[in-house]
C-alpha cells in the first residue's frame, strides 16, 4: 500500500496551517484509496515543549503510521538548475525517487523542473515570480503545496502559466513550502541541465 506524508511546521508548541494540511490529507485519501478519511491530524501531533523550530513529518495511508519531529535548519540557495522532465507528483508520496534521479550529477542547491515548457516546482518547494506588479505561481505545479494554498487564499498570490521567458524577465523569485513560508531568493542564479 502506498504511503504519503505531510510536513508541518511546529514552533513554540504551535502547529502552523493545520487546516491546509488536513484538507490535503483528506483529498489524498479520497482520491487514492476511494474512501473518506477518519484521520484528524490534531489528534496525532503532540508538539515538543521547547522553543525550537521543528519539521513534523506525518506518514500515513488510510491510517497514521508514524509521526516524527526533526529540528529544522533552513538551507541556503545560491544556484538552481533547470531540468526538463515529465514526472508526476500530484500527491505527497514518500517515494521521491523521481526527484532523486533528476538531481543525479547536479551540484547546485536544488532543481527547478520544467514540464512541457512550463515551470513547475523545485524538488522541495512551490515557486513564485514577481513581474513588478504582482506575484504569480505556476498554474500547473507538480504538487499543490499547503503554503501555496494559503498564499492564494490569504495573500493575493495569483496563478498563471509561467515559462522560461517569465523566469528571465521576473523582478523577484521566491520559493514556498510549509517550513520556510514564502522565501524570496536574492542573488540566485539559474543554470540549465539537459537530460
C-alpha atoms as a PDB file:
ATOM      1  CA  UNK A   1       0.000   0.000   0.000  1.00  0.00           C
ATOM      2  CA  UNK A   2       1.271   3.478  -0.882  1.00  0.00           C
ATOM      3  CA  UNK A   3       2.438   5.787   1.870  1.00  0.00           C
ATOM      4  CA  UNK A   4       2.086   9.557   1.881  1.00  0.00           C
ATOM      5  CA  UNK A   5       3.234  12.292   4.233  1.00  0.00           C
ATOM      6  CA  UNK A   6       2.624  15.802   5.460  1.00  0.00           C
ATOM      7  CA  UNK A   7       5.456  18.093   6.504  1.00  0.00           C
ATOM      8  CA  UNK A   8       4.159  20.516   9.108  1.00  0.00           C
ATOM      9  CA  UNK A   9       5.868  23.483  10.731  1.00  0.00           C
ATOM     10  CA  UNK A  10       5.822  23.343  14.529  1.00  0.00           C
ATOM     11  CA  UNK A  11       7.366  26.130  16.592  1.00  0.00           C
ATOM     12  CA  UNK A  12       6.965  27.174  20.218  1.00  0.00           C
ATOM     13  CA  UNK A  13       4.327  24.475  20.570  1.00  0.00           C
ATOM     14  CA  UNK A  14       2.259  25.980  17.738  1.00  0.00           C
ATOM     15  CA  UNK A  15       1.183  23.893  14.713  1.00  0.00           C
ATOM     16  CA  UNK A  16       1.086  26.028  11.568  1.00  0.00           C
ATOM     17  CA  UNK A  17      -1.605  25.900   8.856  1.00  0.00           C
ATOM     18  CA  UNK A  18      -3.039  22.627  10.102  1.00  0.00           C
ATOM     19  CA  UNK A  19      -6.319  23.125   8.236  1.00  0.00           C
ATOM     20  CA  UNK A  20      -4.490  23.203   4.883  1.00  0.00           C
ATOM     21  CA  UNK A  21      -2.606  20.001   5.744  1.00  0.00           C
ATOM     22  CA  UNK A  22      -5.826  18.337   6.874  1.00  0.00           C
ATOM     23  CA  UNK A  23      -7.546  19.249   3.610  1.00  0.00           C
ATOM     24  CA  UNK A  24      -4.694  17.823   1.504  1.00  0.00           C
ATOM     25  CA  UNK A  25      -4.581  14.621   3.568  1.00  0.00           C
ATOM     26  CA  UNK A  26      -8.357  14.203   3.214  1.00  0.00           C
ATOM     27  CA  UNK A  27      -8.152  14.767  -0.552  1.00  0.00           C
ATOM     28  CA  UNK A  28      -5.294  12.275  -0.931  1.00  0.00           C
ATOM     29  CA  UNK A  29      -7.123   9.530   0.968  1.00  0.00           C
ATOM     30  CA  UNK A  30     -10.302  10.164  -1.007  1.00  0.00           C
ATOM     31  CA  UNK A  31      -8.630  10.079  -4.412  1.00  0.00           C
ATOM     32  CA  UNK A  32      -6.026   7.374  -3.796  1.00  0.00           C
ATOM     33  CA  UNK A  33      -7.939   4.995  -1.545  1.00  0.00           C
ATOM     34  CA  UNK A  34     -11.500   5.859  -2.536  1.00  0.00           C
ATOM     35  CA  UNK A  35     -12.708   6.435   0.989  1.00  0.00           C
ATOM     36  CA  UNK A  36     -13.431   9.211   3.423  1.00  0.00           C
ATOM     37  CA  UNK A  37     -10.618   9.980   5.825  1.00  0.00           C
ATOM     38  CA  UNK A  38     -11.181   9.458   9.525  1.00  0.00           C
ATOM     39  CA  UNK A  39      -7.751  10.885  10.401  1.00  0.00           C
ATOM     40  CA  UNK A  40      -7.747  14.048  12.496  1.00  0.00           C
ATOM     41  CA  UNK A  41      -4.195  15.379  12.396  1.00  0.00           C
ATOM     42  CA  UNK A  42      -4.626  17.396  15.585  1.00  0.00           C
ATOM     43  CA  UNK A  43      -5.070  14.136  17.496  1.00  0.00           C
ATOM     44  CA  UNK A  44      -1.707  12.793  16.320  1.00  0.00           C
ATOM     45  CA  UNK A  45       0.583  15.817  16.646  1.00  0.00           C
ATOM     46  CA  UNK A  46       1.960  16.389  20.125  1.00  0.00           C
ATOM     47  CA  UNK A  47       4.445  19.281  19.785  1.00  0.00           C
ATOM     48  CA  UNK A  48       7.711  19.276  21.769  1.00  0.00           C
ATOM     49  CA  UNK A  49       7.608  21.634  24.734  1.00  0.00           C
ATOM     50  CA  UNK A  50      10.776  23.597  23.884  1.00  0.00           C
ATOM     51  CA  UNK A  51      11.019  26.728  21.756  1.00  0.00           C
ATOM     52  CA  UNK A  52      12.797  25.197  18.755  1.00  0.00           C
ATOM     53  CA  UNK A  53      11.562  25.092  15.180  1.00  0.00           C
ATOM     54  CA  UNK A  54      10.578  21.557  14.164  1.00  0.00           C
ATOM     55  CA  UNK A  55       9.642  19.777  10.981  1.00  0.00           C
ATOM     56  CA  UNK A  56       6.837  17.416  11.893  1.00  0.00           C
ATOM     57  CA  UNK A  57       6.540  14.531   9.444  1.00  0.00           C
ATOM     58  CA  UNK A  58       3.272  12.596   9.496  1.00  0.00           C
ATOM     59  CA  UNK A  59       3.363   9.371   7.431  1.00  0.00           C
ATOM     60  CA  UNK A  60       0.011   7.865   6.535  1.00  0.00           C
ATOM     61  CA  UNK A  61      -2.089   5.738   4.236  1.00  0.00           C
ATOM     62  CA  UNK A  62      -5.648   5.181   5.450  1.00  0.00           C
ATOM     63  CA  UNK A  63      -4.233   5.480   8.990  1.00  0.00           C
ATOM     64  CA  UNK A  64      -1.418   7.479  10.553  1.00  0.00           C
ATOM     65  CA  UNK A  65       1.626   5.199  10.545  1.00  0.00           C
ATOM     66  CA  UNK A  66       4.293   7.412  12.096  1.00  0.00           C
ATOM     67  CA  UNK A  67       4.836  10.931  13.460  1.00  0.00           C
ATOM     68  CA  UNK A  68       8.350  12.324  13.880  1.00  0.00           C
ATOM     69  CA  UNK A  69       9.769  15.702  14.863  1.00  0.00           C
ATOM     70  CA  UNK A  70      13.078  16.936  13.455  1.00  0.00           C
ATOM     71  CA  UNK A  71      14.858  20.158  14.472  1.00  0.00           C
ATOM     72  CA  UNK A  72      14.782  22.338  11.362  1.00  0.00           C
ATOM     73  CA  UNK A  73      17.564  24.448   9.925  1.00  0.00           C
ATOM     74  CA  UNK A  74      16.730  26.278   6.670  1.00  0.00           C
ATOM     75  CA  UNK A  75      19.180  25.749   3.842  1.00  0.00           C
ATOM     76  CA  UNK A  76      20.650  28.479   1.677  1.00  0.00           C
ATOM     77  CA  UNK A  77      20.119  28.809  -2.056  1.00  0.00           C
ATOM     78  CA  UNK A  78      22.602  30.358  -4.469  1.00  0.00           C
ATOM     79  CA  UNK A  79      22.099  28.283  -7.600  1.00  0.00           C
ATOM     80  CA  UNK A  80      19.161  26.372  -9.051  1.00  0.00           C
ATOM     81  CA  UNK A  81      19.367  24.132 -12.116  1.00  0.00           C
ATOM     82  CA  UNK A  82      16.520  23.972 -14.636  1.00  0.00           C
ATOM     83  CA  UNK A  83      15.702  20.380 -15.582  1.00  0.00           C
ATOM     84  CA  UNK A  84      13.294  19.244 -18.282  1.00  0.00           C
ATOM     85  CA  UNK A  85      11.194  16.313 -17.066  1.00  0.00           C
ATOM     86  CA  UNK A  86       7.791  14.673 -17.433  1.00  0.00           C
ATOM     87  CA  UNK A  87       7.388  13.401 -13.881  1.00  0.00           C
ATOM     88  CA  UNK A  88       4.102  13.380 -11.998  1.00  0.00           C
ATOM     89  CA  UNK A  89       3.844  14.104  -8.271  1.00  0.00           C
ATOM     90  CA  UNK A  90       0.230  15.110  -7.596  1.00  0.00           C
ATOM     91  CA  UNK A  91       0.200  13.574  -4.129  1.00  0.00           C
ATOM     92  CA  UNK A  92       2.881  13.913  -1.447  1.00  0.00           C
ATOM     93  CA  UNK A  93       4.208  10.376  -1.616  1.00  0.00           C
ATOM     94  CA  UNK A  94       7.157   9.157   0.433  1.00  0.00           C
ATOM     95  CA  UNK A  95       8.519   7.725  -2.831  1.00  0.00           C
ATOM     96  CA  UNK A  96      10.672  10.608  -4.057  1.00  0.00           C
ATOM     97  CA  UNK A  97      12.921   8.521  -6.294  1.00  0.00           C
ATOM     98  CA  UNK A  98      11.914  10.541  -9.375  1.00  0.00           C
ATOM     99  CA  UNK A  99      13.373  13.681  -7.769  1.00  0.00           C
ATOM    100  CA  UNK A 100      16.495  11.806  -6.683  1.00  0.00           C
ATOM    101  CA  UNK A 101      17.006  10.642 -10.258  1.00  0.00           C
ATOM    102  CA  UNK A 102      16.611  14.160 -11.653  1.00  0.00           C
ATOM    103  CA  UNK A 103      19.175  15.510  -9.181  1.00  0.00           C
ATOM    104  CA  UNK A 104      21.841  12.936 -10.068  1.00  0.00           C
ATOM    105  CA  UNK A 105      25.026  14.649 -11.232  1.00  0.00           C
ATOM    106  CA  UNK A 106      23.751  18.130 -10.343  1.00  0.00           C
ATOM    107  CA  UNK A 107      25.731  20.099  -7.782  1.00  0.00           C
ATOM    108  CA  UNK A 108      23.503  23.162  -7.437  1.00  0.00           C
ATOM    109  CA  UNK A 109      21.366  23.789  -4.353  1.00  0.00           C
ATOM    110  CA  UNK A 110      18.186  22.494  -5.989  1.00  0.00           C
ATOM    111  CA  UNK A 111      16.472  21.867  -9.311  1.00  0.00           C
ATOM    112  CA  UNK A 112      13.555  23.669 -10.959  1.00  0.00           C
ATOM    113  CA  UNK A 113      11.510  21.247 -13.023  1.00  0.00           C
ATOM    114  CA  UNK A 114      10.278  22.366 -16.435  1.00  0.00           C
ATOM    115  CA  UNK A 115       7.422  20.237 -17.776  1.00  0.00           C
ATOM    116  CA  UNK A 116       6.055  20.683 -21.295  1.00  0.00           C
ATOM    117  CA  UNK A 117       7.800  24.054 -21.493  1.00  0.00           C
ATOM    118  CA  UNK A 118       6.281  25.365 -18.256  1.00  0.00           C
ATOM    119  CA  UNK A 119       7.860  25.961 -14.859  1.00  0.00           C
ATOM    120  CA  UNK A 120       6.502  23.740 -12.085  1.00  0.00           C
ATOM    121  CA  UNK A 121       8.294  23.335  -8.727  1.00  0.00           C
ATOM    122  CA  UNK A 122      11.709  22.820  -7.241  1.00  0.00           C
ATOM    123  CA  UNK A 123      12.294  19.432  -5.623  1.00  0.00           C
ATOM    124  CA  UNK A 124      11.179  20.815  -2.245  1.00  0.00           C
ATOM    125  CA  UNK A 125       9.017  23.869  -2.867  1.00  0.00           C
ATOM    126  CA  UNK A 126       6.486  25.673  -4.994  1.00  0.00           C
ATOM    127  CA  UNK A 127       7.744  28.817  -6.721  1.00  0.00           C
ATOM    128  CA  UNK A 128       6.560  32.370  -7.337  1.00  0.00           C
ATOM    129  CA  UNK A 129       7.722  35.091  -9.729  1.00  0.00           C
ATOM    130  CA  UNK A 130       7.231  38.826  -9.300  1.00  0.00           C
ATOM    131  CA  UNK A 131       6.816  40.797 -12.528  1.00  0.00           C
ATOM    132  CA  UNK A 132       6.983  44.237 -10.919  1.00  0.00           C
ATOM    133  CA  UNK A 133       3.256  44.388 -10.187  1.00  0.00           C
ATOM    134  CA  UNK A 134       2.126  41.015  -8.850  1.00  0.00           C
ATOM    135  CA  UNK A 135       3.419  37.682  -7.577  1.00  0.00           C
ATOM    136  CA  UNK A 136       2.490  34.660  -9.728  1.00  0.00           C
ATOM    137  CA  UNK A 137       2.776  30.938  -9.137  1.00  0.00           C
ATOM    138  CA  UNK A 138       2.539  28.258 -11.853  1.00  0.00           C
ATOM    139  CA  UNK A 139      -0.936  27.206 -12.831  1.00  0.00           C
ATOM    140  CA  UNK A 140       0.237  23.587 -13.068  1.00  0.00           C
ATOM    141  CA  UNK A 141       2.605  22.823 -10.188  1.00  0.00           C
ATOM    142  CA  UNK A 142       3.748  19.262  -9.614  1.00  0.00           C
ATOM    143  CA  UNK A 143       2.261  19.414  -6.112  1.00  0.00           C
ATOM    144  CA  UNK A 144      -0.302  21.853  -4.757  1.00  0.00           C
ATOM    145  CA  UNK A 145       1.539  22.837  -1.609  1.00  0.00           C
ATOM    146  CA  UNK A 146      -0.191  23.876   1.590  1.00  0.00           C
ATOM    147  CA  UNK A 147       1.674  27.181   1.857  1.00  0.00           C
ATOM    148  CA  UNK A 148       0.879  27.886  -1.798  1.00  0.00           C
ATOM    149  CA  UNK A 149      -2.793  27.288  -0.957  1.00  0.00           C
ATOM    150  CA  UNK A 150      -2.512  29.694   1.981  1.00  0.00           C
ATOM    151  CA  UNK A 151      -0.869  32.373  -0.177  1.00  0.00           C
ATOM    152  CA  UNK A 152      -3.532  32.013  -2.870  1.00  0.00           C
ATOM    153  CA  UNK A 153      -6.351  32.290  -0.342  1.00  0.00           C
ATOM    154  CA  UNK A 154      -4.990  34.904   2.062  1.00  0.00           C
ATOM    155  CA  UNK A 155      -2.190  36.917   0.442  1.00  0.00           C
ATOM    156  CA  UNK A 156      -3.213  37.715  -3.123  1.00  0.00           C
ATOM    157  CA  UNK A 157      -0.858  35.332  -4.913  1.00  0.00           C
ATOM    158  CA  UNK A 158      -2.056  34.796  -8.490  1.00  0.00           C
ATOM    159  CA  UNK A 159      -1.990  31.791 -10.828  1.00  0.00           C
ATOM    160  CA  UNK A 160      -0.513  31.932 -14.322  1.00  0.00           C
ATOM    161  CA  UNK A 161       1.285  29.701 -16.815  1.00  0.00           C
ATOM    162  CA  UNK A 162       4.972  30.550 -16.398  1.00  0.00           C
ATOM    163  CA  UNK A 163       7.792  29.601 -18.733  1.00  0.00           C
ATOM    164  CA  UNK A 164      11.495  30.313 -19.073  1.00  0.00           C
ATOM    165  CA  UNK A 165      10.672  33.685 -20.632  1.00  0.00           C
ATOM    166  CA  UNK A 166       8.857  34.790 -17.474  1.00  0.00           C
ATOM    167  CA  UNK A 167      11.706  33.465 -15.339  1.00  0.00           C
ATOM    168  CA  UNK A 168      14.242  35.516 -17.285  1.00  0.00           C
ATOM    169  CA  UNK A 169      12.180  38.700 -17.080  1.00  0.00           C
ATOM    170  CA  UNK A 170      10.946  38.459 -13.484  1.00  0.00           C
ATOM    171  CA  UNK A 171      11.990  41.076 -10.953  1.00  0.00           C
ATOM    172  CA  UNK A 172      11.960  38.699  -7.966  1.00  0.00           C
ATOM    173  CA  UNK A 173      11.907  34.933  -7.428  1.00  0.00           C
ATOM    174  CA  UNK A 174      10.620  33.102  -4.347  1.00  0.00           C
ATOM    175  CA  UNK A 175      10.101  29.576  -3.128  1.00  0.00           C
ATOM    176  CA  UNK A 176       7.484  28.487  -0.626  1.00  0.00           C
ATOM    177  CA  UNK A 177       6.637  25.476   1.454  1.00  0.00           C
ATOM    178  CA  UNK A 178       5.281  24.641   4.886  1.00  0.00           C
ATOM    179  CA  UNK A 179       8.656  25.015   6.588  1.00  0.00           C
ATOM    180  CA  UNK A 180      10.128  28.136   5.004  1.00  0.00           C
ATOM    181  CA  UNK A 181       6.919  30.016   4.294  1.00  0.00           C
ATOM    182  CA  UNK A 182       7.295  32.486   1.428  1.00  0.00           C
ATOM    183  CA  UNK A 183      11.033  32.945   0.935  1.00  0.00           C
ATOM    184  CA  UNK A 184      12.418  35.386  -1.604  1.00  0.00           C
ATOM    185  CA  UNK A 185      15.756  34.218  -3.008  1.00  0.00           C
ATOM    186  CA  UNK A 186      18.138  37.078  -3.659  1.00  0.00           C
ATOM    187  CA  UNK A 187      21.217  36.834  -5.871  1.00  0.00           C
ATOM    188  CA  UNK A 188      20.055  33.453  -7.142  1.00  0.00           C
ATOM    189  CA  UNK A 189      21.478  32.118 -10.394  1.00  0.00           C
ATOM    190  CA  UNK A 190      19.843  29.637 -12.753  1.00  0.00           C
ATOM    191  CA  UNK A 191      21.664  27.095 -14.876  1.00  0.00           C
ATOM    192  CA  UNK A 192      20.348  24.657 -17.473  1.00  0.00           C
ATOM    193  CA  UNK A 193      20.790  20.921 -17.481  1.00  0.00           C
ATOM    194  CA  UNK A 194      19.968  18.570 -20.340  1.00  0.00           C
ATOM    195  CA  UNK A 195      18.760  15.054 -19.598  1.00  0.00           C
END
